[in-house]
Amino acid sequence: MLKIGDIVLVERKAESHERGWRNTWEKGMDSVVGKTGVVIRYNKLHRNVHIKVDGNIDVYGYPD
């Protein structure tokens, strides 16, 4: 289970609703594929991870 402060790698583009993720992949999310970020918020119910990449807080929630 992820927690705030964990470092994560966005390995690839995820399929919308993959593995129970309650969200869809947006084109704007493509720019962080291959980058690492720090978990700043984790929504276990929606399986969403919000991250800070390159010092910027990303507006998208990524699948856990």
N, C-alpha and C. Protein backbone atom coordinates (compact mmCIF):
# COMPACT_ATOMS: atom_id res chain seq x y z
N MET A 1 0.84 -1.18 0.00
CA MET A 1 0.00 0.00 0.00
C MET A 1 0.89 1.24 0.00
N LEU A 2 0.54 2.20 -0.81
CA LEU A 2 1.30 3.43 -0.91
C LEU A 2 0.96 4.36 0.25
N LYS A 3 1.92 5.23 0.57
CA LYS A 3 1.68 6.23 1.60
C LYS A 3 2.32 7.55 1.17
N ILE A 4 1.87 8.63 1.77
CA ILE A 4 2.40 9.95 1.47
C ILE A 4 3.90 9.95 1.72
N GLY A 5 4.65 10.49 0.77
CA GLY A 5 6.09 10.55 0.85
C GLY A 5 6.80 9.46 0.06
N ASP A 6 6.07 8.40 -0.32
CA ASP A 6 6.66 7.35 -1.15
C ASP A 6 7.08 7.91 -2.50
N ILE A 7 8.15 7.38 -3.02
CA ILE A 7 8.60 7.75 -4.37
C ILE A 7 8.10 6.68 -5.33
N VAL A 8 7.44 7.13 -6.40
CA VAL A 8 6.86 6.21 -7.38
C VAL A 8 7.35 6.54 -8.79
N LEU A 9 7.33 5.54 -9.63
CA LEU A 9 7.67 5.69 -11.04
C LEU A 9 6.41 5.47 -11.86
N VAL A 10 6.11 6.41 -12.74
CA VAL A 10 5.00 6.22 -13.67
C VAL A 10 5.59 5.47 -14.85
N GLU A 11 5.43 4.16 -14.85
CA GLU A 11 6.09 3.30 -15.82
C GLU A 11 5.50 3.38 -17.22
N ARG A 12 4.18 3.52 -17.28
CA ARG A 12 3.52 3.43 -18.57
C ARG A 12 2.15 4.10 -18.50
N LYS A 13 1.55 4.27 -19.64
CA LYS A 13 0.18 4.75 -19.72
C LYS A 13 -0.73 3.62 -19.26
N ALA A 14 -1.65 3.91 -18.38
CA ALA A 14 -2.58 2.89 -17.88
C ALA A 14 -3.86 2.92 -18.70
N GLU A 15 -4.51 1.79 -18.77
CA GLU A 15 -5.84 1.74 -19.39
C GLU A 15 -6.83 2.38 -18.42
N SER A 16 -7.78 3.11 -18.94
CA SER A 16 -8.81 3.69 -18.10
C SER A 16 -9.52 2.57 -17.33
N HIS A 17 -9.72 2.79 -16.06
CA HIS A 17 -10.41 1.86 -15.15
C HIS A 17 -9.65 0.54 -14.93
N GLU A 18 -8.36 0.54 -15.24
CA GLU A 18 -7.53 -0.65 -15.08
C GLU A 18 -7.48 -1.09 -13.61
N ARG A 19 -7.62 -2.39 -13.36
CA ARG A 19 -7.50 -3.00 -12.03
C ARG A 19 -8.32 -2.29 -10.96
N GLY A 20 -9.49 -1.80 -11.32
CA GLY A 20 -10.36 -1.17 -10.34
C GLY A 20 -10.11 0.32 -10.14
N TRP A 21 -9.19 0.90 -10.91
CA TRP A 21 -8.93 2.34 -10.82
C TRP A 21 -10.19 3.06 -11.24
N ARG A 22 -10.68 3.96 -10.43
CA ARG A 22 -11.95 4.64 -10.72
C ARG A 22 -11.71 5.98 -11.43
N ASN A 23 -10.99 5.90 -12.54
CA ASN A 23 -10.71 7.11 -13.29
C ASN A 23 -10.32 6.74 -14.72
N THR A 24 -10.07 7.76 -15.53
CA THR A 24 -9.65 7.53 -16.91
C THR A 24 -8.33 8.22 -17.17
N TRP A 25 -7.57 7.68 -18.11
CA TRP A 25 -6.30 8.26 -18.48
C TRP A 25 -6.56 9.44 -19.41
N GLU A 26 -5.95 10.57 -19.11
CA GLU A 26 -6.09 11.78 -19.92
C GLU A 26 -4.79 12.04 -20.67
N LYS A 27 -4.89 12.65 -21.82
CA LYS A 27 -3.71 12.94 -22.65
C LYS A 27 -2.64 13.73 -21.88
N GLY A 28 -3.05 14.64 -21.02
CA GLY A 28 -2.12 15.44 -20.24
C GLY A 28 -1.26 14.63 -19.29
N MET A 29 -1.67 13.40 -19.01
CA MET A 29 -0.92 12.54 -18.10
C MET A 29 0.29 11.92 -18.78
N ASP A 30 0.31 11.90 -20.09
CA ASP A 30 1.40 11.27 -20.84
C ASP A 30 2.76 11.87 -20.52
N SER A 31 2.80 13.14 -20.15
CA SER A 31 4.08 13.82 -19.95
C SER A 31 4.87 13.31 -18.75
N VAL A 32 4.24 12.58 -17.85
CA VAL A 32 4.98 12.07 -16.68
C VAL A 32 5.37 10.60 -16.82
N VAL A 33 4.98 9.97 -17.91
CA VAL A 33 5.38 8.56 -18.12
C VAL A 33 6.91 8.50 -18.18
N GLY A 34 7.47 7.60 -17.40
CA GLY A 34 8.92 7.43 -17.33
C GLY A 34 9.58 8.29 -16.26
N LYS A 35 8.80 9.09 -15.55
CA LYS A 35 9.34 9.96 -14.50
C LYS A 35 8.98 9.44 -13.11
N THR A 36 9.76 9.87 -12.13
CA THR A 36 9.45 9.54 -10.74
C THR A 36 8.82 10.75 -10.08
N GLY A 37 8.05 10.48 -9.06
CA GLY A 37 7.41 11.55 -8.30
C GLY A 37 7.20 11.11 -6.87
N VAL A 38 6.81 12.05 -6.04
CA VAL A 38 6.55 11.79 -4.62
C VAL A 38 5.04 11.80 -4.40
N VAL A 39 4.54 10.79 -3.71
CA VAL A 39 3.11 10.71 -3.41
C VAL A 39 2.75 11.82 -2.43
N ILE A 40 1.79 12.66 -2.82
CA ILE A 40 1.34 13.73 -1.93
C ILE A 40 -0.08 13.47 -1.42
N ARG A 41 -0.80 12.59 -2.10
CA ARG A 41 -2.15 12.22 -1.65
C ARG A 41 -2.48 10.85 -2.23
N TYR A 42 -3.16 10.04 -1.42
CA TYR A 42 -3.55 8.71 -1.87
C TYR A 42 -4.99 8.48 -1.49
N ASN A 43 -5.83 8.18 -2.47
CA ASN A 43 -7.23 7.90 -2.24
C ASN A 43 -7.44 6.41 -2.45
N LYS A 44 -7.46 5.67 -1.36
CA LYS A 44 -7.56 4.21 -1.43
C LYS A 44 -8.86 3.77 -2.10
N LEU A 45 -9.97 4.44 -1.80
CA LEU A 45 -11.27 4.06 -2.35
C LEU A 45 -11.27 4.15 -3.88
N HIS A 46 -10.72 5.20 -4.42
CA HIS A 46 -10.70 5.41 -5.87
C HIS A 46 -9.43 4.88 -6.52
N ARG A 47 -8.50 4.41 -5.69
CA ARG A 47 -7.21 3.89 -6.15
C ARG A 47 -6.45 4.93 -6.96
N ASN A 48 -6.52 6.18 -6.50
CA ASN A 48 -5.88 7.33 -7.12
C ASN A 48 -4.65 7.76 -6.33
N VAL A 49 -3.56 8.03 -7.01
CA VAL A 49 -2.35 8.54 -6.39
C VAL A 49 -2.06 9.90 -7.02
N HIS A 50 -1.94 10.91 -6.19
CA HIS A 50 -1.55 12.24 -6.67
C HIS A 50 -0.09 12.42 -6.34
N ILE A 51 0.67 12.92 -7.31
CA ILE A 51 2.13 12.98 -7.14
C ILE A 51 2.68 14.36 -7.47
N LYS A 52 3.88 14.60 -6.94
CA LYS A 52 4.64 15.80 -7.27
C LYS A 52 5.80 15.33 -8.14
N VAL A 53 5.87 15.87 -9.36
CA VAL A 53 6.91 15.47 -10.32
C VAL A 53 7.69 16.72 -10.71
N ASP A 54 9.01 16.62 -10.68
CA ASP A 54 9.88 17.75 -11.04
C ASP A 54 9.52 19.01 -10.24
N GLY A 55 9.13 18.83 -8.99
CA GLY A 55 8.79 19.96 -8.12
C GLY A 55 7.40 20.52 -8.33
N ASN A 56 6.66 19.97 -9.28
CA ASN A 56 5.31 20.46 -9.58
C ASN A 56 4.26 19.43 -9.14
N ILE A 57 3.21 19.91 -8.52
CA ILE A 57 2.11 19.02 -8.15
C ILE A 57 1.27 18.75 -9.38
N ASP A 58 1.13 17.48 -9.72
CA ASP A 58 0.36 17.10 -10.90
C ASP A 58 -1.13 17.14 -10.56
N VAL A 59 -1.94 17.64 -11.46
CA VAL A 59 -3.37 17.78 -11.20
C VAL A 59 -4.12 16.46 -11.38
N TYR A 60 -3.47 15.46 -11.92
CA TYR A 60 -4.12 14.19 -12.21
C TYR A 60 -3.91 13.18 -11.09
N GLY A 61 -4.85 12.26 -10.98
CA GLY A 61 -4.70 11.13 -10.08
C GLY A 61 -4.33 9.91 -10.92
N TYR A 62 -3.26 9.26 -10.56
CA TYR A 62 -2.76 8.09 -11.29
C TYR A 62 -3.18 6.81 -10.58
N PRO A 63 -3.31 5.72 -11.32
CA PRO A 63 -3.71 4.46 -10.68
C PRO A 63 -2.61 3.95 -9.76
N ASP A 64 -3.02 3.34 -8.66
CA ASP A 64 -2.04 2.77 -7.75
C ASP A 64 -1.59 1.45 -8.28
